[in-house]
């Protein structure tokens, strides 16, 4: 029964994300709104980690299965995608390097900032 309430909390936050995406005139996906809302709720104590932890771990454990429909969709469009393979590979490589660099800089900034707070 605990899992039902945990999934309910997660789905409630996802629903609020959907509402925000429908109401706000910004080009932000509902899933991003949901993630930000969940982060804010956890940070401010509106939802405690124990209230969503088990269901969250389960969802992370089955994450590869959730990507199967997208992979099948790509396989169906292979003839159209074959012509764009090289430009897509270049774009993915560049974006991956940029994301890794930005994540590294952000991590260094957070670690430096966190070190000053403990002094």
PDB file of N, CA and C in Angstrom:
ATOM      1  N   UNK A   1       0.822  -1.192   0.000  1.00  0.00           N
ATOM      2  CA  UNK A   1       0.000   0.000   0.000  1.00  0.00           C
ATOM      3  C   UNK A   1       0.863   1.252   0.000  1.00  0.00           C
ATOM      4  N   UNK A   2       2.043   1.156   0.631  1.00  0.00           N
ATOM      5  CA  UNK A   2       2.956   2.296   0.679  1.00  0.00           C
ATOM      6  C   UNK A   2       3.370   2.723  -0.713  1.00  0.00           C
ATOM      7  N   UNK A   3       3.598   1.749  -1.606  1.00  0.00           N
ATOM      8  CA  UNK A   3       4.012   2.054  -2.978  1.00  0.00           C
ATOM      9  C   UNK A   3       2.922   2.830  -3.713  1.00  0.00           C
ATOM     10  N   UNK A   4       1.675   2.509  -3.450  1.00  0.00           N
ATOM     11  CA  UNK A   4       0.566   3.207  -4.108  1.00  0.00           C
ATOM     12  C   UNK A   4       0.606   4.692  -3.759  1.00  0.00           C
ATOM     13  N   UNK A   5       0.821   5.001  -2.499  1.00  0.00           N
ATOM     14  CA  UNK A   5       0.885   6.402  -2.077  1.00  0.00           C
ATOM     15  C   UNK A   5       2.127   7.092  -2.655  1.00  0.00           C
ATOM     16  N   UNK A   6       3.236   6.365  -2.733  1.00  0.00           N
ATOM     17  CA  UNK A   6       4.447   6.949  -3.300  1.00  0.00           C
ATOM     18  C   UNK A   6       4.265   7.259  -4.786  1.00  0.00           C
ATOM     19  N   UNK A   7       3.701   6.302  -5.525  1.00  0.00           N
ATOM     20  CA  UNK A   7       3.426   6.563  -6.941  1.00  0.00           C
ATOM     21  C   UNK A   7       2.404   7.682  -7.090  1.00  0.00           C
ATOM     22  N   UNK A   8       1.447   7.737  -6.184  1.00  0.00           N
ATOM     23  CA  UNK A   8       0.453   8.809  -6.220  1.00  0.00           C
ATOM     24  C   UNK A   8       1.092  10.182  -6.055  1.00  0.00           C
ATOM     25  N   UNK A   9       2.035  10.290  -5.139  1.00  0.00           N
ATOM     26  CA  UNK A   9       2.734  11.567  -4.961  1.00  0.00           C
ATOM     27  C   UNK A   9       3.516  11.954  -6.221  1.00  0.00           C
ATOM     28  N   UNK A  10       4.221  10.973  -6.778  1.00  0.00           N
ATOM     29  CA  UNK A  10       4.997  11.243  -7.995  1.00  0.00           C
ATOM     30  C   UNK A  10       4.067  11.635  -9.137  1.00  0.00           C
ATOM     31  N   UNK A  11       2.965  10.919  -9.308  1.00  0.00           N
ATOM     32  CA  UNK A  11       2.018  11.248 -10.368  1.00  0.00           C
ATOM     33  C   UNK A  11       1.356  12.597 -10.134  1.00  0.00           C
ATOM     34  N   UNK A  12       1.117  12.947  -8.874  1.00  0.00           N
ATOM     35  CA  UNK A  12       0.553  14.255  -8.568  1.00  0.00           C
ATOM     36  C   UNK A  12       1.478  15.382  -8.994  1.00  0.00           C
ATOM     37  N   UNK A  13       2.763  15.221  -8.738  1.00  0.00           N
ATOM     38  CA  UNK A  13       3.738  16.235  -9.149  1.00  0.00           C
ATOM     39  C   UNK A  13       3.822  16.288 -10.674  1.00  0.00           C
ATOM     40  N   UNK A  14       3.776  15.123 -11.328  1.00  0.00           N
ATOM     41  CA  UNK A  14       3.776  15.096 -12.800  1.00  0.00           C
ATOM     42  C   UNK A  14       2.542  15.799 -13.352  1.00  0.00           C
ATOM     43  N   UNK A  15       1.393  15.596 -12.709  1.00  0.00           N
ATOM     44  CA  UNK A  15       0.168  16.259 -13.148  1.00  0.00           C
ATOM     45  C   UNK A  15       0.286  17.773 -13.011  1.00  0.00           C
ATOM     46  N   UNK A  16       0.859  18.236 -11.900  1.00  0.00           N
ATOM     47  CA  UNK A  16       1.072  19.678 -11.743  1.00  0.00           C
ATOM     48  C   UNK A  16       1.998  20.221 -12.827  1.00  0.00           C
ATOM     49  N   UNK A  17       2.994  19.442 -13.221  1.00  0.00           N
ATOM     50  CA  UNK A  17       3.860  19.827 -14.325  1.00  0.00           C
ATOM     51  C   UNK A  17       3.088  19.950 -15.630  1.00  0.00           C
ATOM     52  N   UNK A  18       2.163  19.024 -15.866  1.00  0.00           N
ATOM     53  CA  UNK A  18       1.317  19.092 -17.066  1.00  0.00           C
ATOM     54  C   UNK A  18       0.440  20.338 -17.041  1.00  0.00           C
ATOM     55  N   UNK A  19      -0.100  20.653 -15.876  1.00  0.00           N
ATOM     56  CA  UNK A  19      -0.938  21.850 -15.749  1.00  0.00           C
ATOM     57  C   UNK A  19      -0.111  23.101 -16.038  1.00  0.00           C
ATOM     58  N   UNK A  20       1.083  23.175 -15.455  1.00  0.00           N
ATOM     59  CA  UNK A  20       1.943  24.340 -15.707  1.00  0.00           C
ATOM     60  C   UNK A  20       2.295  24.469 -17.181  1.00  0.00           C
ATOM     61  N   UNK A  21       2.580  23.350 -17.837  1.00  0.00           N
ATOM     62  CA  UNK A  21       2.923  23.395 -19.264  1.00  0.00           C
ATOM     63  C   UNK A  21       1.743  23.880 -20.097  1.00  0.00           C
ATOM     64  N   UNK A  22       0.529  23.539 -19.671  1.00  0.00           N
ATOM     65  CA  UNK A  22      -0.659  23.962 -20.416  1.00  0.00           C
ATOM     66  C   UNK A  22      -0.992  25.430 -20.154  1.00  0.00           C
ATOM     67  N   UNK A  23      -0.690  25.912 -18.947  1.00  0.00           N
ATOM     68  CA  UNK A  23      -1.081  27.264 -18.555  1.00  0.00           C
ATOM     69  C   UNK A  23      -0.028  28.303 -18.933  1.00  0.00           C
ATOM     70  N   UNK A  24       1.232  28.001 -18.698  1.00  0.00           N
ATOM     71  CA  UNK A  24       2.292  28.978 -18.941  1.00  0.00           C
ATOM     72  C   UNK A  24       2.668  29.014 -20.420  1.00  0.00           C
ATOM     73  N   UNK A  25       2.877  30.195 -20.966  1.00  0.00           N
ATOM     74  CA  UNK A  25       3.203  30.302 -22.396  1.00  0.00           C
ATOM     75  C   UNK A  25       4.695  30.162 -22.684  1.00  0.00           C
ATOM     76  N   UNK A  26       5.361  29.238 -22.019  1.00  0.00           N
ATOM     77  CA  UNK A  26       6.796  29.027 -22.210  1.00  0.00           C
ATOM     78  C   UNK A  26       7.029  27.707 -22.945  1.00  0.00           C
ATOM     79  N   UNK A  27       8.077  27.636 -23.756  1.00  0.00           N
ATOM     80  CA  UNK A  27       8.349  26.387 -24.478  1.00  0.00           C
ATOM     81  C   UNK A  27       9.130  25.383 -23.621  1.00  0.00           C
ATOM     82  N   UNK A  28       8.570  25.039 -22.474  1.00  0.00           N
ATOM     83  CA  UNK A  28       9.214  24.114 -21.543  1.00  0.00           C
ATOM     84  C   UNK A  28       8.339  22.867 -21.446  1.00  0.00           C
ATOM     85  N   UNK A  29       8.913  21.675 -21.605  1.00  0.00           N
ATOM     86  CA  UNK A  29       8.113  20.446 -21.509  1.00  0.00           C
ATOM     87  C   UNK A  29       7.561  20.241 -20.103  1.00  0.00           C
ATOM     88  N   UNK A  30       6.431  19.570 -20.035  1.00  0.00           N
ATOM     89  CA  UNK A  30       5.794  19.303 -18.753  1.00  0.00           C
ATOM     90  C   UNK A  30       6.687  18.471 -17.841  1.00  0.00           C
ATOM     91  N   UNK A  31       7.480  17.580 -18.411  1.00  0.00           N
ATOM     92  CA  UNK A  31       8.358  16.743 -17.588  1.00  0.00           C
ATOM     93  C   UNK A  31       9.402  17.585 -16.861  1.00  0.00           C
ATOM     94  N   UNK A  32       9.874  18.649 -17.502  1.00  0.00           N
ATOM     95  CA  UNK A  32      10.848  19.529 -16.856  1.00  0.00           C
ATOM     96  C   UNK A  32      10.177  20.280 -15.710  1.00  0.00           C
ATOM     97  N   UNK A  33       8.969  20.764 -15.936  1.00  0.00           N
ATOM     98  CA  UNK A  33       8.224  21.404 -14.847  1.00  0.00           C
ATOM     99  C   UNK A  33       8.049  20.429 -13.682  1.00  0.00           C
ATOM    100  N   UNK A  34       7.706  19.188 -13.999  1.00  0.00           N
ATOM    101  CA  UNK A  34       7.519  18.190 -12.952  1.00  0.00           C
ATOM    102  C   UNK A  34       8.794  17.940 -12.160  1.00  0.00           C
ATOM    103  N   UNK A  35       9.928  17.847 -12.851  1.00  0.00           N
ATOM    104  CA  UNK A  35      11.204  17.642 -12.162  1.00  0.00           C
ATOM    105  C   UNK A  35      11.540  18.820 -11.250  1.00  0.00           C
ATOM    106  N   UNK A  36      11.308  20.023 -11.747  1.00  0.00           N
ATOM    107  CA  UNK A  36      11.599  21.211 -10.937  1.00  0.00           C
ATOM    108  C   UNK A  36      10.662  21.263  -9.733  1.00  0.00           C
ATOM    109  N   UNK A  37       9.387  20.933  -9.943  1.00  0.00           N
ATOM    110  CA  UNK A  37       8.446  20.920  -8.819  1.00  0.00           C
ATOM    111  C   UNK A  37       8.832  19.867  -7.775  1.00  0.00           C
ATOM    112  N   UNK A  38       9.255  18.685  -8.240  1.00  0.00           N
ATOM    113  CA  UNK A  38       9.664  17.636  -7.295  1.00  0.00           C
ATOM    114  C   UNK A  38      10.898  18.060  -6.528  1.00  0.00           C
ATOM    115  N   UNK A  39      11.862  18.664  -7.213  1.00  0.00           N
ATOM    116  CA  UNK A  39      13.059  19.153  -6.548  1.00  0.00           C
ATOM    117  C   UNK A  39      12.706  20.198  -5.495  1.00  0.00           C
ATOM    118  N   UNK A  40      11.831  21.136  -5.848  1.00  0.00           N
ATOM    119  CA  UNK A  40      11.429  22.184  -4.905  1.00  0.00           C
ATOM    120  C   UNK A  40      10.686  21.580  -3.713  1.00  0.00           C
ATOM    121  N   UNK A  41       9.800  20.628  -3.983  1.00  0.00           N
ATOM    122  CA  UNK A  41       9.048  19.997  -2.887  1.00  0.00           C
ATOM    123  C   UNK A  41       9.964  19.226  -1.947  1.00  0.00           C
ATOM    124  N   UNK A  42      10.962  18.550  -2.494  1.00  0.00           N
ATOM    125  CA  UNK A  42      11.922  17.834  -1.648  1.00  0.00           C
ATOM    126  C   UNK A  42      12.815  18.800  -0.887  1.00  0.00           C
ATOM    127  N   UNK A  43      13.248  19.854  -1.555  1.00  0.00           N
ATOM    128  CA  UNK A  43      14.146  20.828  -0.926  1.00  0.00           C
ATOM    129  C   UNK A  43      13.455  21.565   0.220  1.00  0.00           C
ATOM    130  N   UNK A  44      12.206  21.962   0.005  1.00  0.00           N
ATOM    131  CA  UNK A  44      11.482  22.754   1.018  1.00  0.00           C
ATOM    132  C   UNK A  44      10.727  21.892   2.017  1.00  0.00           C
ATOM    133  N   UNK A  45      10.830  20.582   1.910  1.00  0.00           N
ATOM    134  CA  UNK A  45      10.222  19.704   2.894  1.00  0.00           C
ATOM    135  C   UNK A  45       8.740  19.452   2.696  1.00  0.00           C
ATOM    136  N   UNK A  46       8.172  19.851   1.560  1.00  0.00           N
ATOM    137  CA  UNK A  46       6.763  19.554   1.296  1.00  0.00           C
ATOM    138  C   UNK A  46       6.564  18.058   1.101  1.00  0.00           C
ATOM    139  N   UNK A  47       7.557  17.424   0.514  1.00  0.00           N
ATOM    140  CA  UNK A  47       7.583  15.966   0.366  1.00  0.00           C
ATOM    141  C   UNK A  47       8.912  15.496   0.936  1.00  0.00           C
ATOM    142  N   UNK A  48       8.857  14.508   1.824  1.00  0.00           N
ATOM    143  CA  UNK A  48      10.093  13.936   2.356  1.00  0.00           C
ATOM    144  C   UNK A  48      10.575  12.824   1.421  1.00  0.00           C
ATOM    145  N   UNK A  49      11.878  12.625   1.374  1.00  0.00           N
ATOM    146  CA  UNK A  49      12.462  11.625   0.485  1.00  0.00           C
ATOM    147  C   UNK A  49      11.867  10.239   0.739  1.00  0.00           C
ATOM    148  N   UNK A  50      11.619   9.914   1.987  1.00  0.00           N
ATOM    149  CA  UNK A  50      11.069   8.598   2.330  1.00  0.00           C
ATOM    150  C   UNK A  50       9.682   8.400   1.722  1.00  0.00           C
ATOM    151  N   UNK A  51       8.996   9.495   1.399  1.00  0.00           N
ATOM    152  CA  UNK A  51       7.642   9.405   0.857  1.00  0.00           C
ATOM    153  C   UNK A  51       7.625   9.058  -0.631  1.00  0.00           C
ATOM    154  N   UNK A  52       8.769   9.090  -1.302  1.00  0.00           N
ATOM    155  CA  UNK A  52       8.821   8.762  -2.735  1.00  0.00           C
ATOM    156  C   UNK A  52      10.014   7.883  -3.095  1.00  0.00           C
ATOM    157  N   UNK A  53      10.830   7.527  -2.127  1.00  0.00           N
ATOM    158  CA  UNK A  53      12.101   6.858  -2.414  1.00  0.00           C
ATOM    159  C   UNK A  53      11.937   5.476  -3.043  1.00  0.00           C
ATOM    160  N   UNK A  54      11.093   4.635  -2.488  1.00  0.00           N
ATOM    161  CA  UNK A  54      10.955   3.271  -3.017  1.00  0.00           C
ATOM    162  C   UNK A  54      10.398   3.279  -4.437  1.00  0.00           C
ATOM    163  N   UNK A  55       9.368   4.061  -4.678  1.00  0.00           N
ATOM    164  CA  UNK A  55       8.789   4.134  -6.021  1.00  0.00           C
ATOM    165  C   UNK A  55       9.790   4.752  -6.999  1.00  0.00           C
ATOM    166  N   UNK A  56      10.541   5.740  -6.555  1.00  0.00           N
ATOM    167  CA  UNK A  56      11.552   6.350  -7.415  1.00  0.00           C
ATOM    168  C   UNK A  56      12.640   5.370  -7.792  1.00  0.00           C
ATOM    169  N   UNK A  57      13.086   4.578  -6.831  1.00  0.00           N
ATOM    170  CA  UNK A  57      14.103   3.559  -7.132  1.00  0.00           C
ATOM    171  C   UNK A  57      13.578   2.530  -8.118  1.00  0.00           C
ATOM    172  N   UNK A  58      12.316   2.147  -7.959  1.00  0.00           N
ATOM    173  CA  UNK A  58      11.724   1.196  -8.894  1.00  0.00           C
ATOM    174  C   UNK A  58      11.689   1.782 -10.301  1.00  0.00           C
ATOM    175  N   UNK A  59      11.259   3.031 -10.430  1.00  0.00           N
ATOM    176  CA  UNK A  59      11.181   3.657 -11.748  1.00  0.00           C
ATOM    177  C   UNK A  59      12.560   3.768 -12.391  1.00  0.00           C
ATOM    178  N   UNK A  60      13.575   4.077 -11.601  1.00  0.00           N
ATOM    179  CA  UNK A  60      14.928   4.150 -12.149  1.00  0.00           C
ATOM    180  C   UNK A  60      15.403   2.762 -12.578  1.00  0.00           C
ATOM    181  N   UNK A  61      15.019   1.732 -11.845  1.00  0.00           N
ATOM    182  CA  UNK A  61      15.466   0.378 -12.194  1.00  0.00           C
ATOM    183  C   UNK A  61      14.842  -0.119 -13.496  1.00  0.00           C
ATOM    184  N   UNK A  62      13.654   0.347 -13.852  1.00  0.00           N
ATOM    185  CA  UNK A  62      13.018  -0.101 -15.100  1.00  0.00           C
ATOM    186  C   UNK A  62      13.159   0.933 -16.218  1.00  0.00           C
ATOM    187  N   UNK A  63      14.001   1.935 -16.019  1.00  0.00           N
ATOM    188  CA  UNK A  63      14.164   3.002 -16.999  1.00  0.00           C
ATOM    189  C   UNK A  63      14.511   2.489 -18.400  1.00  0.00           C
ATOM    190  N   UNK A  64      15.406   1.511 -18.553  1.00  0.00           N
ATOM    191  CA  UNK A  64      15.689   1.024 -19.921  1.00  0.00           C
ATOM    192  C   UNK A  64      14.441   0.508 -20.635  1.00  0.00           C
ATOM    193  N   UNK A  65      13.535  -0.117 -19.924  1.00  0.00           N
ATOM    194  CA  UNK A  65      12.314  -0.638 -20.534  1.00  0.00           C
ATOM    195  C   UNK A  65      11.445   0.515 -21.046  1.00  0.00           C
ATOM    196  N   UNK A  66      11.484   1.645 -20.341  1.00  0.00           N
ATOM    197  CA  UNK A  66      10.668   2.787 -20.741  1.00  0.00           C
ATOM    198  C   UNK A  66      11.169   3.426 -22.033  1.00  0.00           C
ATOM    199  N   UNK A  67      12.415   3.172 -22.414  1.00  0.00           N
ATOM    200  CA  UNK A  67      12.962   3.727 -23.648  1.00  0.00           C
ATOM    201  C   UNK A  67      12.728   2.820 -24.862  1.00  0.00           C
ATOM    202  N   UNK A  68      12.204   1.636 -24.674  1.00  0.00           N
ATOM    203  CA  UNK A  68      11.982   0.720 -25.795  1.00  0.00           C
ATOM    204  C   UNK A  68      11.053   1.288 -26.872  1.00  0.00           C
ATOM    205  N   UNK A  69       9.931   1.904 -26.526  1.00  0.00           N
ATOM    206  CA  UNK A  69       9.076   2.457 -27.600  1.00  0.00           C
ATOM    207  C   UNK A  69       9.804   3.485 -28.457  1.00  0.00           C
ATOM    208  N   UNK A  70      10.630   4.326 -27.860  1.00  0.00           N
ATOM    209  CA  UNK A  70      11.382   5.309 -28.635  1.00  0.00           C
ATOM    210  C   UNK A  70      12.383   4.617 -29.555  1.00  0.00           C
ATOM    211  N   UNK A  71      13.032   3.568 -29.080  1.00  0.00           N
ATOM    212  CA  UNK A  71      13.997   2.838 -29.907  1.00  0.00           C
ATOM    213  C   UNK A  71      13.306   2.164 -31.081  1.00  0.00           C
ATOM    214  N   UNK A  72      12.129   1.617 -30.860  1.00  0.00           N
ATOM    215  CA  UNK A  72      11.374   0.983 -31.949  1.00  0.00           C
ATOM    216  C   UNK A  72      10.953   2.047 -32.966  1.00  0.00           C
ATOM    217  N   UNK A  73      10.574   3.228 -32.504  1.00  0.00           N
ATOM    218  CA  UNK A  73      10.217   4.314 -33.404  1.00  0.00           C
ATOM    219  C   UNK A  73      11.383   4.728 -34.286  1.00  0.00           C
ATOM    220  N   UNK A  74      12.577   4.758 -33.716  1.00  0.00           N
ATOM    221  CA  UNK A  74      13.768   5.090 -34.501  1.00  0.00           C
ATOM    222  C   UNK A  74      14.027   4.011 -35.547  1.00  0.00           C
ATOM    223  N   UNK A  75      13.835   2.755 -35.176  1.00  0.00           N
ATOM    224  CA  UNK A  75      14.054   1.670 -36.135  1.00  0.00           C
ATOM    225  C   UNK A  75      13.056   1.747 -37.287  1.00  0.00           C
ATOM    226  N   UNK A  76      11.837   2.164 -37.023  1.00  0.00           N
ATOM    227  CA  UNK A  76      10.841   2.303 -38.085  1.00  0.00           C
ATOM    228  C   UNK A  76      11.208   3.407 -39.065  1.00  0.00           C
ATOM    229  N   UNK A  77      11.906   4.426 -38.600  1.00  0.00           N
ATOM    230  CA  UNK A  77      12.278   5.563 -39.437  1.00  0.00           C
ATOM    231  C   UNK A  77      13.710   5.471 -39.954  1.00  0.00           C
ATOM    232  N   UNK A  78      14.312   4.284 -39.939  1.00  0.00           N
ATOM    233  CA  UNK A  78      15.720   4.151 -40.275  1.00  0.00           C
ATOM    234  C   UNK A  78      16.032   4.643 -41.690  1.00  0.00           C
ATOM    235  N   UNK A  79      15.158   4.405 -42.642  1.00  0.00           N
ATOM    236  CA  UNK A  79      15.436   4.833 -44.020  1.00  0.00           C
ATOM    237  C   UNK A  79      15.568   6.353 -44.105  1.00  0.00           C
ATOM    238  N   UNK A  80      14.724   7.083 -43.391  1.00  0.00           N
ATOM    239  CA  UNK A  80      14.810   8.539 -43.387  1.00  0.00           C
ATOM    240  C   UNK A  80      16.018   9.038 -42.586  1.00  0.00           C
ATOM    241  N   UNK A  81      16.345   8.318 -41.523  1.00  0.00           N
ATOM    242  CA  UNK A  81      17.445   8.744 -40.651  1.00  0.00           C
ATOM    243  C   UNK A  81      18.819   8.415 -41.227  1.00  0.00           C
ATOM    244  N   UNK A  82      18.889   7.424 -42.110  1.00  0.00           N
ATOM    245  CA  UNK A  82      20.176   7.000 -42.667  1.00  0.00           C
ATOM    246  C   UNK A  82      20.889   8.151 -43.375  1.00  0.00           C
ATOM    247  N   UNK A  83      20.131   8.988 -44.059  1.00  0.00           N
ATOM    248  CA  UNK A  83      20.727  10.114 -44.782  1.00  0.00           C
ATOM    249  C   UNK A  83      21.275  11.174 -43.831  1.00  0.00           C
ATOM    250  N   UNK A  84      20.737  11.231 -42.613  1.00  0.00           N
ATOM    251  CA  UNK A  84      21.165  12.247 -41.642  1.00  0.00           C
ATOM    252  C   UNK A  84      22.127  11.693 -40.599  1.00  0.00           C
ATOM    253  N   UNK A  85      22.624  10.509 -40.785  1.00  0.00           N
ATOM    254  CA  UNK A  85      23.436   9.852 -39.763  1.00  0.00           C
ATOM    255  C   UNK A  85      24.702  10.630 -39.420  1.00  0.00           C
ATOM    256  N   UNK A  86      25.466  11.049 -40.424  1.00  0.00           N
ATOM    257  CA  UNK A  86      26.713  11.765 -40.165  1.00  0.00           C
ATOM    258  C   UNK A  86      26.467  13.125 -39.495  1.00  0.00           C
ATOM    259  N   UNK A  87      25.558  13.962 -40.001  1.00  0.00           N
ATOM    260  CA  UNK A  87      25.309  15.234 -39.302  1.00  0.00           C
ATOM    261  C   UNK A  87      24.811  15.026 -37.872  1.00  0.00           C
ATOM    262  N   UNK A  88      23.977  14.019 -37.670  1.00  0.00           N
ATOM    263  CA  UNK A  88      23.480  13.749 -36.313  1.00  0.00           C
ATOM    264  C   UNK A  88      24.607  13.283 -35.398  1.00  0.00           C
ATOM    265  N   UNK A  89      25.482  12.433 -35.892  1.00  0.00           N
ATOM    266  CA  UNK A  89      26.605  11.956 -35.080  1.00  0.00           C
ATOM    267  C   UNK A  89      27.521  13.112 -34.697  1.00  0.00           C
ATOM    268  N   UNK A  90      27.767  14.031 -35.629  1.00  0.00           N
ATOM    269  CA  UNK A  90      28.606  15.199 -35.325  1.00  0.00           C
ATOM    270  C   UNK A  90      27.927  16.078 -34.278  1.00  0.00           C
ATOM    271  N   UNK A  91      26.636  16.336 -34.474  1.00  0.00           N
ATOM    272  CA  UNK A  91      25.898  17.174 -33.530  1.00  0.00           C
ATOM    273  C   UNK A  91      25.864  16.547 -32.135  1.00  0.00           C
ATOM    274  N   UNK A  92      25.612  15.240 -32.073  1.00  0.00           N
ATOM    275  CA  UNK A  92      25.566  14.556 -30.779  1.00  0.00           C
ATOM    276  C   UNK A  92      26.932  14.607 -30.097  1.00  0.00           C
ATOM    277  N   UNK A  93      28.002  14.441 -30.861  1.00  0.00           N
ATOM    278  CA  UNK A  93      29.348  14.495 -30.277  1.00  0.00           C
ATOM    279  C   UNK A  93      29.642  15.875 -29.701  1.00  0.00           C
ATOM    280  N   UNK A  94      29.320  16.914 -30.458  1.00  0.00           N
ATOM    281  CA  UNK A  94      29.585  18.274 -29.985  1.00  0.00           C
ATOM    282  C   UNK A  94      28.744  18.597 -28.751  1.00  0.00           C
ATOM    283  N   UNK A  95      27.470  18.280 -28.807  1.00  0.00           N
ATOM    284  CA  UNK A  95      26.590  18.574 -27.674  1.00  0.00           C
ATOM    285  C   UNK A  95      27.006  17.768 -26.444  1.00  0.00           C
ATOM    286  N   UNK A  96      27.414  16.516 -26.630  1.00  0.00           N
ATOM    287  CA  UNK A  96      27.873  15.700 -25.504  1.00  0.00           C
ATOM    288  C   UNK A  96      29.092  16.335 -24.841  1.00  0.00           C
ATOM    289  N   UNK A  97      30.034  16.794 -25.623  1.00  0.00           N
ATOM    290  CA  UNK A  97      31.227  17.443 -25.072  1.00  0.00           C
ATOM    291  C   UNK A  97      30.850  18.723 -24.330  1.00  0.00           C
ATOM    292  N   UNK A  98      29.938  19.505 -24.892  1.00  0.00           N
ATOM    293  CA  UNK A  98      29.506  20.740 -24.221  1.00  0.00           C
ATOM    294  C   UNK A  98      28.798  20.447 -22.897  1.00  0.00           C
ATOM    295  N   UNK A  99      27.934  19.440 -22.899  1.00  0.00           N
ATOM    296  CA  UNK A  99      27.213  19.081 -21.670  1.00  0.00           C
ATOM    297  C   UNK A  99      28.184  18.569 -20.606  1.00  0.00           C
ATOM    298  N   UNK A 100      29.145  17.737 -21.021  1.00  0.00           N
ATOM    299  CA  UNK A 100      30.131  17.241 -20.061  1.00  0.00           C
ATOM    300  C   UNK A 100      30.954  18.387 -19.475  1.00  0.00           C
ATOM    301  N   UNK A 101      31.359  19.329 -20.327  1.00  0.00           N
ATOM    302  CA  UNK A 101      32.112  20.477 -19.844  1.00  0.00           C
ATOM    303  C   UNK A 101      31.296  21.342 -18.903  1.00  0.00           C
ATOM    304  N   UNK A 102      30.045  21.607 -19.267  1.00  0.00           N
ATOM    305  CA  UNK A 102      29.182  22.430 -18.415  1.00  0.00           C
ATOM    306  C   UNK A 102      28.909  21.732 -17.084  1.00  0.00           C
ATOM    307  N   UNK A 103      28.685  20.423 -17.123  1.00  0.00           N
ATOM    308  CA  UNK A 103      28.446  19.682 -15.877  1.00  0.00           C
ATOM    309  C   UNK A 103      29.693  19.702 -14.992  1.00  0.00           C
ATOM    310  N   UNK A 104      30.866  19.566 -15.590  1.00  0.00           N
ATOM    311  CA  UNK A 104      32.106  19.623 -14.815  1.00  0.00           C
ATOM    312  C   UNK A 104      32.315  20.984 -14.180  1.00  0.00           C
ATOM    313  N   UNK A 105      32.082  22.051 -14.942  1.00  0.00           N
ATOM    314  CA  UNK A 105      32.220  23.407 -14.384  1.00  0.00           C
ATOM    315  C   UNK A 105      31.206  23.660 -13.279  1.00  0.00           C
ATOM    316  N   UNK A 106      29.971  23.203 -13.489  1.00  0.00           N
ATOM    317  CA  UNK A 106      28.946  23.387 -12.457  1.00  0.00           C
ATOM    318  C   UNK A 106      29.307  22.611 -11.193  1.00  0.00           C
ATOM    319  N   UNK A 107      29.835  21.407 -11.357  1.00  0.00           N
ATOM    320  CA  UNK A 107      30.235  20.610 -10.192  1.00  0.00           C
ATOM    321  C   UNK A 107      31.375  21.280  -9.440  1.00  0.00           C
ATOM    322  N   UNK A 108      32.356  21.786 -10.167  1.00  0.00           N
ATOM    323  CA  UNK A 108      33.459  22.491  -9.512  1.00  0.00           C
ATOM    324  C   UNK A 108      32.957  23.721  -8.774  1.00  0.00           C
ATOM    325  N   UNK A 109      32.035  24.459  -9.369  1.00  0.00           N
ATOM    326  CA  UNK A 109      31.490  25.653  -8.725  1.00  0.00           C
ATOM    327  C   UNK A 109      30.737  25.292  -7.445  1.00  0.00           C
ATOM    328  N   UNK A 110      29.924  24.240  -7.503  1.00  0.00           N
ATOM    329  CA  UNK A 110      29.162  23.810  -6.321  1.00  0.00           C
ATOM    330  C   UNK A 110      30.100  23.325  -5.229  1.00  0.00           C
ATOM    331  N   UNK A 111      31.136  22.586  -5.596  1.00  0.00           N
ATOM    332  CA  UNK A 111      32.085  22.084  -4.586  1.00  0.00           C
ATOM    333  C   UNK A 111      32.841  23.226  -3.933  1.00  0.00           C
ATOM    334  N   UNK A 112      33.269  24.215  -4.733  1.00  0.00           N
ATOM    335  CA  UNK A 112      33.945  25.378  -4.160  1.00  0.00           C
ATOM    336  C   UNK A 112      33.017  26.162  -3.245  1.00  0.00           C
ATOM    337  N   UNK A 113      31.795  26.339  -3.654  1.00  0.00           N
ATOM    338  CA  UNK A 113      30.812  27.081  -2.868  1.00  0.00           C
ATOM    339  C   UNK A 113      30.477  26.320  -1.581  1.00  0.00           C
ATOM    340  N   UNK A 114      30.332  25.014  -1.671  1.00  0.00           N
ATOM    341  CA  UNK A 114      30.035  24.197  -0.501  1.00  0.00           C
ATOM    342  C   UNK A 114      31.182  24.174   0.494  1.00  0.00           C
ATOM    343  N   UNK A 115      32.407  24.248   0.012  1.00  0.00           N
ATOM    344  CA  UNK A 115      33.573  24.268   0.904  1.00  0.00           C
ATOM    345  C   UNK A 115      33.637  25.530   1.742  1.00  0.00           C
ATOM    346  N   UNK A 116      33.222  26.659   1.176  1.00  0.00           N
ATOM    347  CA  UNK A 116      33.240  27.916   1.922  1.00  0.00           C
ATOM    348  C   UNK A 116      32.193  27.947   3.013  1.00  0.00           C
ATOM    349  N   UNK A 117      31.060  27.275   2.798  1.00  0.00           N
ATOM    350  CA  UNK A 117      30.003  27.296   3.799  1.00  0.00           C
ATOM    351  C   UNK A 117      30.382  26.507   5.047  1.00  0.00           C
ATOM    352  N   UNK A 118      31.247  25.513   4.895  1.00  0.00           N
ATOM    353  CA  UNK A 118      31.618  24.691   6.040  1.00  0.00           C
ATOM    354  C   UNK A 118      32.769  25.279   6.831  1.00  0.00           C
ATOM    355  N   UNK A 119      33.399  26.329   6.358  1.00  0.00           N
ATOM    356  CA  UNK A 119      34.543  26.910   7.069  1.00  0.00           C
ATOM    357  C   UNK A 119      34.107  27.789   8.207  1.00  0.00           C
TER     358      UNK A 119
END
